[in-house]
Amino acid sequence: MLGEGVQVTLFGSRVDDAAKGGDVDLMIEVSQALPEPALVSARIASRVSRAMHGRKVDVLLKAPNLLEQPIHRIAAQHGVAL
């Protein structure tokens, strides 16, 4: 869907083995601009959620054409690369 060179990072409560519950938070970093980031994010979240039997999945995109927010730095610093 996004081509090669995609980096996926798991972050949030799912990184902490002691934490219970919670959704799956994924940061997906791509090297090319994304023309429809909301649609891409929704499609990825839907596919991953189905693969995980309906578990809630949040997708954070990082691309050259998207404004970087503090959550991107938090995900990069505290997340686990998949």
PDB file of N, CA and C in Angstrom:
ATOM      1  N   MET A   1       0.821  -1.203   0.000  1.00  0.00           N
ATOM      2  CA  MET A   1       0.000   0.000   0.000  1.00  0.00           C
ATOM      3  C   MET A   1       0.861   1.262   0.000  1.00  0.00           C
ATOM      4  N   LEU A   2       1.955   1.254   0.758  1.00  0.00           N
ATOM      5  CA  LEU A   2       2.802   2.438   0.873  1.00  0.00           C
ATOM      6  C   LEU A   2       4.159   2.283   0.202  1.00  0.00           C
ATOM      7  N   GLY A   3       4.428   1.145  -0.368  1.00  0.00           N
ATOM      8  CA  GLY A   3       5.706   0.944  -1.030  1.00  0.00           C
ATOM      9  C   GLY A   3       6.791   0.486  -0.077  1.00  0.00           C
ATOM     10  N   GLU A   4       8.014   0.579  -0.557  1.00  0.00           N
ATOM     11  CA  GLU A   4       9.157   0.128   0.239  1.00  0.00           C
ATOM     12  C   GLU A   4       9.678   1.252   1.128  1.00  0.00           C
ATOM     13  N   GLY A   5      10.515   0.876   2.081  1.00  0.00           N
ATOM     14  CA  GLY A   5      11.144   1.857   2.953  1.00  0.00           C
ATOM     15  C   GLY A   5      10.234   2.406   4.035  1.00  0.00           C
ATOM     16  N   VAL A   6       9.192   1.684   4.366  1.00  0.00           N
ATOM     17  CA  VAL A   6       8.253   2.117   5.403  1.00  0.00           C
ATOM     18  C   VAL A   6       8.760   1.638   6.759  1.00  0.00           C
ATOM     19  N   GLN A   7       8.720   2.525   7.742  1.00  0.00           N
ATOM     20  CA  GLN A   7       9.107   2.161   9.105  1.00  0.00           C
ATOM     21  C   GLN A   7       7.855   2.180   9.976  1.00  0.00           C
ATOM     22  N   VAL A   8       7.666   1.110  10.736  1.00  0.00           N
ATOM     23  CA  VAL A   8       6.505   1.002  11.621  1.00  0.00           C
ATOM     24  C   VAL A   8       6.995   0.929  13.056  1.00  0.00           C
ATOM     25  N   THR A   9       6.420   1.766  13.911  1.00  0.00           N
ATOM     26  CA  THR A   9       6.786   1.814  15.322  1.00  0.00           C
ATOM     27  C   THR A   9       5.539   1.614  16.174  1.00  0.00           C
ATOM     28  N   LEU A  10       5.620   0.678  17.110  1.00  0.00           N
ATOM     29  CA  LEU A  10       4.563   0.469  18.097  1.00  0.00           C
ATOM     30  C   LEU A  10       4.869   1.369  19.281  1.00  0.00           C
ATOM     31  N   PHE A  11       3.879   2.135  19.742  1.00  0.00           N
ATOM     32  CA  PHE A  11       4.098   3.006  20.896  1.00  0.00           C
ATOM     33  C   PHE A  11       2.853   3.011  21.763  1.00  0.00           C
ATOM     34  N   GLY A  12       2.936   3.694  22.875  1.00  0.00           N
ATOM     35  CA  GLY A  12       1.794   3.770  23.777  1.00  0.00           C
ATOM     36  C   GLY A  12       1.764   2.621  24.765  1.00  0.00           C
ATOM     37  N   SER A  13       0.580   2.321  25.274  1.00  0.00           N
ATOM     38  CA  SER A  13       0.441   1.339  26.355  1.00  0.00           C
ATOM     39  C   SER A  13       0.846  -0.067  25.939  1.00  0.00           C
ATOM     40  N   ARG A  14       0.778  -0.398  24.681  1.00  0.00           N
ATOM     41  CA  ARG A  14       1.133  -1.752  24.231  1.00  0.00           C
ATOM     42  C   ARG A  14       2.630  -2.027  24.313  1.00  0.00           C
ATOM     43  N   VAL A  15       3.431  -0.999  24.498  1.00  0.00           N
ATOM     44  CA  VAL A  15       4.878  -1.184  24.651  1.00  0.00           C
ATOM     45  C   VAL A  15       5.209  -1.625  26.071  1.00  0.00           C
ATOM     46  N   ASP A  16       4.340  -1.269  27.020  1.00  0.00           N
ATOM     47  CA  ASP A  16       4.549  -1.576  28.437  1.00  0.00           C
ATOM     48  C   ASP A  16       3.856  -2.895  28.777  1.00  0.00           C
ATOM     49  N   ASP A  17       4.642  -3.932  29.055  1.00  0.00           N
ATOM     50  CA  ASP A  17       4.075  -5.243  29.383  1.00  0.00           C
ATOM     51  C   ASP A  17       3.222  -5.212  30.648  1.00  0.00           C
ATOM     52  N   ALA A  18       3.491  -4.257  31.548  1.00  0.00           N
ATOM     53  CA  ALA A  18       2.742  -4.168  32.797  1.00  0.00           C
ATOM     54  C   ALA A  18       1.384  -3.491  32.603  1.00  0.00           C
ATOM     55  N   ALA A  19       1.236  -2.724  31.530  1.00  0.00           N
ATOM     56  CA  ALA A  19      -0.022  -2.025  31.280  1.00  0.00           C
ATOM     57  C   ALA A  19      -1.059  -3.007  30.752  1.00  0.00           C
ATOM     58  N   LYS A  20      -2.303  -2.782  31.122  1.00  0.00           N
ATOM     59  CA  LYS A  20      -3.381  -3.665  30.682  1.00  0.00           C
ATOM     60  C   LYS A  20      -4.249  -2.947  29.656  1.00  0.00           C
ATOM     61  N   GLY A  21      -4.783  -3.732  28.739  1.00  0.00           N
ATOM     62  CA  GLY A  21      -5.741  -3.197  27.781  1.00  0.00           C
ATOM     63  C   GLY A  21      -5.145  -2.149  26.870  1.00  0.00           C
ATOM     64  N   GLY A  22      -6.007  -1.304  26.398  1.00  0.00           N
ATOM     65  CA  GLY A  22      -5.574  -0.227  25.525  1.00  0.00           C
ATOM     66  C   GLY A  22      -5.574  -0.632  24.068  1.00  0.00           C
ATOM     67  N   ASP A  23      -5.585   0.382  23.233  1.00  0.00           N
ATOM     68  CA  ASP A  23      -5.565   0.125  21.807  1.00  0.00           C
ATOM     69  C   ASP A  23      -4.132  -0.043  21.316  1.00  0.00           C
ATOM     70  N   VAL A  24      -4.000  -0.351  20.050  1.00  0.00           N
ATOM     71  CA  VAL A  24      -2.696  -0.503  19.421  1.00  0.00           C
ATOM     72  C   VAL A  24      -2.381   0.817  18.732  1.00  0.00           C
ATOM     73  N   ASP A  25      -1.266   1.431  19.109  1.00  0.00           N
ATOM     74  CA  ASP A  25      -0.838   2.695  18.516  1.00  0.00           C
ATOM     75  C   ASP A  25       0.355   2.433  17.615  1.00  0.00           C
ATOM     76  N   LEU A  26       0.217   2.779  16.335  1.00  0.00           N
ATOM     77  CA  LEU A  26       1.287   2.572  15.373  1.00  0.00           C
ATOM     78  C   LEU A  26       1.660   3.891  14.713  1.00  0.00           C
ATOM     79  N   MET A  27       2.960   4.173  14.642  1.00  0.00           N
ATOM     80  CA  MET A  27       3.437   5.287  13.839  1.00  0.00           C
ATOM     81  C   MET A  27       4.035   4.682  12.578  1.00  0.00           C
ATOM     82  N   ILE A  28       3.577   5.154  11.448  1.00  0.00           N
ATOM     83  CA  ILE A  28       4.065   4.664  10.171  1.00  0.00           C
ATOM     84  C   ILE A  28       4.752   5.824   9.465  1.00  0.00           C
ATOM     85  N   GLU A  29       6.040   5.629   9.210  1.00  0.00           N
ATOM     86  CA  GLU A  29       6.854   6.674   8.595  1.00  0.00           C
ATOM     87  C   GLU A  29       7.182   6.283   7.161  1.00  0.00           C
ATOM     88  N   VAL A  30       6.917   7.202   6.246  1.00  0.00           N
ATOM     89  CA  VAL A  30       7.194   6.974   4.831  1.00  0.00           C
ATOM     90  C   VAL A  30       8.084   8.097   4.307  1.00  0.00           C
ATOM     91  N   SER A  31       8.810   7.805   3.246  1.00  0.00           N
ATOM     92  CA  SER A  31       9.743   8.791   2.703  1.00  0.00           C
ATOM     93  C   SER A  31       9.114   9.672   1.630  1.00  0.00           C
ATOM     94  N   GLN A  32       7.961   9.271   1.105  1.00  0.00           N
ATOM     95  CA  GLN A  32       7.317  10.064   0.063  1.00  0.00           C
ATOM     96  C   GLN A  32       6.089  10.786   0.618  1.00  0.00           C
ATOM     97  N   ALA A  33       5.684  11.834  -0.070  1.00  0.00           N
ATOM     98  CA  ALA A  33       4.498  12.583   0.336  1.00  0.00           C
ATOM     99  C   ALA A  33       3.250  11.711   0.190  1.00  0.00           C
ATOM    100  N   LEU A  34       2.316  11.904   1.096  1.00  0.00           N
ATOM    101  CA  LEU A  34       1.038  11.179   1.057  1.00  0.00           C
ATOM    102  C   LEU A  34      -0.066  12.152   0.638  1.00  0.00           C
ATOM    103  N   PRO A  35      -0.662  11.957  -0.545  1.00  0.00           N
ATOM    104  CA  PRO A  35      -1.669  12.904  -1.014  1.00  0.00           C
ATOM    105  C   PRO A  35      -2.979  12.882  -0.218  1.00  0.00           C
ATOM    106  N   GLU A  36      -3.362  11.746   0.337  1.00  0.00           N
ATOM    107  CA  GLU A  36      -4.609  11.640   1.104  1.00  0.00           C
ATOM    108  C   GLU A  36      -4.328  10.939   2.429  1.00  0.00           C
ATOM    109  N   PRO A  37      -3.643  11.608   3.361  1.00  0.00           N
ATOM    110  CA  PRO A  37      -3.211  10.933   4.589  1.00  0.00           C
ATOM    111  C   PRO A  37      -4.352  10.396   5.446  1.00  0.00           C
ATOM    112  N   ALA A  38      -5.472  11.076   5.511  1.00  0.00           N
ATOM    113  CA  ALA A  38      -6.586  10.582   6.335  1.00  0.00           C
ATOM    114  C   ALA A  38      -7.123   9.263   5.787  1.00  0.00           C
ATOM    115  N   LEU A  39      -7.231   9.164   4.484  1.00  0.00           N
ATOM    116  CA  LEU A  39      -7.705   7.935   3.853  1.00  0.00           C
ATOM    117  C   LEU A  39      -6.704   6.801   4.053  1.00  0.00           C
ATOM    118  N   VAL A  40      -5.428   7.096   3.881  1.00  0.00           N
ATOM    119  CA  VAL A  40      -4.378   6.090   4.075  1.00  0.00           C
ATOM    120  C   VAL A  40      -4.400   5.581   5.511  1.00  0.00           C
ATOM    121  N   SER A  41      -4.473   6.505   6.461  1.00  0.00           N
ATOM    122  CA  SER A  41      -4.496   6.137   7.877  1.00  0.00           C
ATOM    123  C   SER A  41      -5.701   5.252   8.198  1.00  0.00           C
ATOM    124  N   ALA A  42      -6.863   5.624   7.697  1.00  0.00           N
ATOM    125  CA  ALA A  42      -8.080   4.846   7.958  1.00  0.00           C
ATOM    126  C   ALA A  42      -7.990   3.446   7.351  1.00  0.00           C
ATOM    127  N   ARG A  43      -7.453   3.355   6.153  1.00  0.00           N
ATOM    128  CA  ARG A  43      -7.332   2.040   5.506  1.00  0.00           C
ATOM    129  C   ARG A  43      -6.375   1.129   6.272  1.00  0.00           C
ATOM    130  N   ILE A  44      -5.247   1.687   6.689  1.00  0.00           N
ATOM    131  CA  ILE A  44      -4.276   0.880   7.440  1.00  0.00           C
ATOM    132  C   ILE A  44      -4.880   0.433   8.763  1.00  0.00           C
ATOM    133  N   ALA A  45      -5.493   1.364   9.485  1.00  0.00           N
ATOM    134  CA  ALA A  45      -6.101   1.027  10.778  1.00  0.00           C
ATOM    135  C   ALA A  45      -7.150  -0.066  10.613  1.00  0.00           C
ATOM    136  N   SER A  46      -7.949   0.027   9.579  1.00  0.00           N
ATOM    137  CA  SER A  46      -8.988  -0.968   9.328  1.00  0.00           C
ATOM    138  C   SER A  46      -8.393  -2.343   9.044  1.00  0.00           C
ATOM    139  N   ARG A  47      -7.373  -2.393   8.213  1.00  0.00           N
ATOM    140  CA  ARG A  47      -6.751  -3.680   7.875  1.00  0.00           C
ATOM    141  C   ARG A  47      -6.081  -4.326   9.085  1.00  0.00           C
ATOM    142  N   VAL A  48      -5.371  -3.518   9.854  1.00  0.00           N
ATOM    143  CA  VAL A  48      -4.691  -4.064  11.035  1.00  0.00           C
ATOM    144  C   VAL A  48      -5.722  -4.506  12.067  1.00  0.00           C
ATOM    145  N   SER A  49      -6.770  -3.720  12.252  1.00  0.00           N
ATOM    146  CA  SER A  49      -7.823  -4.078  13.207  1.00  0.00           C
ATOM    147  C   SER A  49      -8.471  -5.416  12.842  1.00  0.00           C
ATOM    148  N   ARG A  50      -8.771  -5.598  11.572  1.00  0.00           N
ATOM    149  CA  ARG A  50      -9.355  -6.877  11.135  1.00  0.00           C
ATOM    150  C   ARG A  50      -8.398  -8.032  11.393  1.00  0.00           C
ATOM    151  N   ALA A  51      -7.116  -7.813  11.127  1.00  0.00           N
ATOM    152  CA  ALA A  51      -6.113  -8.864  11.348  1.00  0.00           C
ATOM    153  C   ALA A  51      -5.969  -9.198  12.826  1.00  0.00           C
ATOM    154  N   MET A  52      -6.321  -8.236  13.699  1.00  0.00           N
ATOM    155  CA  MET A  52      -6.202  -8.431  15.140  1.00  0.00           C
ATOM    156  C   MET A  52      -7.570  -8.673  15.776  1.00  0.00           C
ATOM    157  N   HIS A  53      -8.494  -9.212  15.008  1.00  0.00           N
ATOM    158  CA  HIS A  53      -9.821  -9.609  15.494  1.00  0.00           C
ATOM    159  C   HIS A  53     -10.600  -8.457  16.120  1.00  0.00           C
ATOM    160  N   GLY A  54     -10.524  -7.285  15.514  1.00  0.00           N
ATOM    161  CA  GLY A  54     -11.335  -6.158  15.939  1.00  0.00           C
ATOM    162  C   GLY A  54     -10.731  -5.241  16.982  1.00  0.00           C
ATOM    163  N   ARG A  55      -9.498  -5.510  17.392  1.00  0.00           N
ATOM    164  CA  ARG A  55      -8.858  -4.626  18.373  1.00  0.00           C
ATOM    165  C   ARG A  55      -8.736  -3.220  17.775  1.00  0.00           C
ATOM    166  N   LYS A  56      -8.948  -2.205  18.598  1.00  0.00           N
ATOM    167  CA  LYS A  56      -8.864  -0.821  18.138  1.00  0.00           C
ATOM    168  C   LYS A  56      -7.416  -0.479  17.807  1.00  0.00           C
ATOM    169  N   VAL A  57      -7.224   0.145  16.655  1.00  0.00           N
ATOM    170  CA  VAL A  57      -5.893   0.506  16.183  1.00  0.00           C
ATOM    171  C   VAL A  57      -5.885   1.983  15.813  1.00  0.00           C
ATOM    172  N   ASP A  58      -4.915   2.718  16.332  1.00  0.00           N
ATOM    173  CA  ASP A  58      -4.705   4.114  15.956  1.00  0.00           C
ATOM    174  C   ASP A  58      -3.446   4.191  15.113  1.00  0.00           C
ATOM    175  N   VAL A  59      -3.526   4.898  13.995  1.00  0.00           N
ATOM    176  CA  VAL A  59      -2.387   5.030  13.094  1.00  0.00           C
ATOM    177  C   VAL A  59      -1.973   6.496  13.025  1.00  0.00           C
ATOM    178  N   LEU A  60      -0.712   6.736  13.311  1.00  0.00           N
ATOM    179  CA  LEU A  60      -0.098   8.052  13.222  1.00  0.00           C
ATOM    180  C   LEU A  60       0.841   8.015  12.026  1.00  0.00           C
ATOM    181  N   LEU A  61       0.642   8.918  11.072  1.00  0.00           N
ATOM    182  CA  LEU A  61       1.488   8.937   9.885  1.00  0.00           C
ATOM    183  C   LEU A  61       2.561  10.010   9.999  1.00  0.00           C
ATOM    184  N   LYS A  62       3.733   9.683   9.484  1.00  0.00           N
ATOM    185  CA  LYS A  62       4.827  10.646   9.414  1.00  0.00           C
ATOM    186  C   LYS A  62       5.336  10.629   7.980  1.00  0.00           C
ATOM    187  N   ALA A  63       5.209  11.770   7.306  1.00  0.00           N
ATOM    188  CA  ALA A  63       5.601  11.892   5.907  1.00  0.00           C
ATOM    189  C   ALA A  63       6.128  13.309   5.672  1.00  0.00           C
ATOM    190  N   PRO A  64       6.898  13.509   4.612  1.00  0.00           N
ATOM    191  CA  PRO A  64       7.475  14.831   4.357  1.00  0.00           C
ATOM    192  C   PRO A  64       6.446  15.948   4.211  1.00  0.00           C
ATOM    193  N   ASN A  65       5.249  15.645   3.749  1.00  0.00           N
ATOM    194  CA  ASN A  65       4.238  16.681   3.550  1.00  0.00           C
ATOM    195  C   ASN A  65       3.309  16.879   4.748  1.00  0.00           C
ATOM    196  N   LEU A  66       3.574  16.185   5.846  1.00  0.00           N
ATOM    197  CA  LEU A  66       2.722  16.303   7.032  1.00  0.00           C
ATOM    198  C   LEU A  66       3.459  17.037   8.146  1.00  0.00           C
ATOM    199  N   LEU A  67       2.746  17.886   8.841  1.00  0.00           N
ATOM    200  CA  LEU A  67       3.314  18.641   9.950  1.00  0.00           C
ATOM    201  C   LEU A  67       3.669  17.698  11.095  1.00  0.00           C
ATOM    202  N   GLU A  68       4.896  17.803  11.572  1.00  0.00           N
ATOM    203  CA  GLU A  68       5.304  16.953  12.695  1.00  0.00           C
ATOM    204  C   GLU A  68       4.782  17.550  14.000  1.00  0.00           C
ATOM    205  N   GLN A  69       4.190  16.694  14.815  1.00  0.00           N
ATOM    206  CA  GLN A  69       3.617  17.087  16.095  1.00  0.00           C
ATOM    207  C   GLN A  69       4.434  16.472  17.231  1.00  0.00           C
ATOM    208  N   PRO A  70       4.253  16.934  18.472  1.00  0.00           N
ATOM    209  CA  PRO A  70       4.975  16.337  19.603  1.00  0.00           C
ATOM    210  C   PRO A  70       4.758  14.827  19.729  1.00  0.00           C
ATOM    211  N   ILE A  71       3.596  14.324  19.342  1.00  0.00           N
ATOM    212  CA  ILE A  71       3.331  12.886  19.445  1.00  0.00           C
ATOM    213  C   ILE A  71       4.283  12.080  18.562  1.00  0.00           C
ATOM    214  N   HIS A  72       4.738  12.658  17.464  1.00  0.00           N
ATOM    215  CA  HIS A  72       5.704  11.965  16.605  1.00  0.00           C
ATOM    216  C   HIS A  72       7.020  11.736  17.354  1.00  0.00           C
ATOM    217  N   ARG A  73       7.469  12.740  18.085  1.00  0.00           N
ATOM    218  CA  ARG A  73       8.715  12.609  18.862  1.00  0.00           C
ATOM    219  C   ARG A  73       8.536  11.610  20.003  1.00  0.00           C
ATOM    220  N   ILE A  74       7.400  11.644  20.659  1.00  0.00           N
ATOM    221  CA  ILE A  74       7.131  10.691  21.747  1.00  0.00           C
ATOM    222  C   ILE A  74       7.138   9.265  21.204  1.00  0.00           C
ATOM    223  N   ALA A  75       6.478   9.055  20.088  1.00  0.00           N
ATOM    224  CA  ALA A  75       6.434   7.713  19.486  1.00  0.00           C
ATOM    225  C   ALA A  75       7.832   7.241  19.107  1.00  0.00           C
ATOM    226  N   ALA A  76       8.631   8.131  18.541  1.00  0.00           N
ATOM    227  CA  ALA A  76       9.990   7.761  18.130  1.00  0.00           C
ATOM    228  C   ALA A  76      10.879   7.463  19.338  1.00  0.00           C
ATOM    229  N   GLN A  77      10.733   8.240  20.403  1.00  0.00           N
ATOM    230  CA  GLN A  77      11.589   8.081  21.586  1.00  0.00           C
ATOM    231  C   GLN A  77      11.207   6.871  22.432  1.00  0.00           C
ATOM    232  N   HIS A  78       9.922   6.602  22.565  1.00  0.00           N
ATOM    233  CA  HIS A  78       9.466   5.573  23.498  1.00  0.00           C
ATOM    234  C   HIS A  78       8.895   4.334  22.819  1.00  0.00           C
ATOM    235  N   GLY A  79       8.818   4.362  21.505  1.00  0.00           N
ATOM    236  CA  GLY A  79       8.242   3.242  20.778  1.00  0.00           C
ATOM    237  C   GLY A  79       9.241   2.146  20.474  1.00  0.00           C
ATOM    238  N   VAL A  80       8.717   1.071  19.913  1.00  0.00           N
ATOM    239  CA  VAL A  80       9.519  -0.091  19.528  1.00  0.00           C
ATOM    240  C   VAL A  80       9.338  -0.302  18.030  1.00  0.00           C
ATOM    241  N   ALA A  81      10.450  -0.307  17.304  1.00  0.00           N
ATOM    242  CA  ALA A  81      10.384  -0.537  15.860  1.00  0.00           C
ATOM    243  C   ALA A  81       9.930  -1.966  15.587  1.00  0.00           C
ATOM    244  N   LEU A  82       9.041  -2.120  14.637  1.00  0.00           N
ATOM    245  CA  LEU A  82       8.547  -3.445  14.257  1.00  0.00           C
ATOM    246  C   LEU A  82       9.179  -3.879  12.945  1.00  0.00           C
TER     247      LEU A  82
END
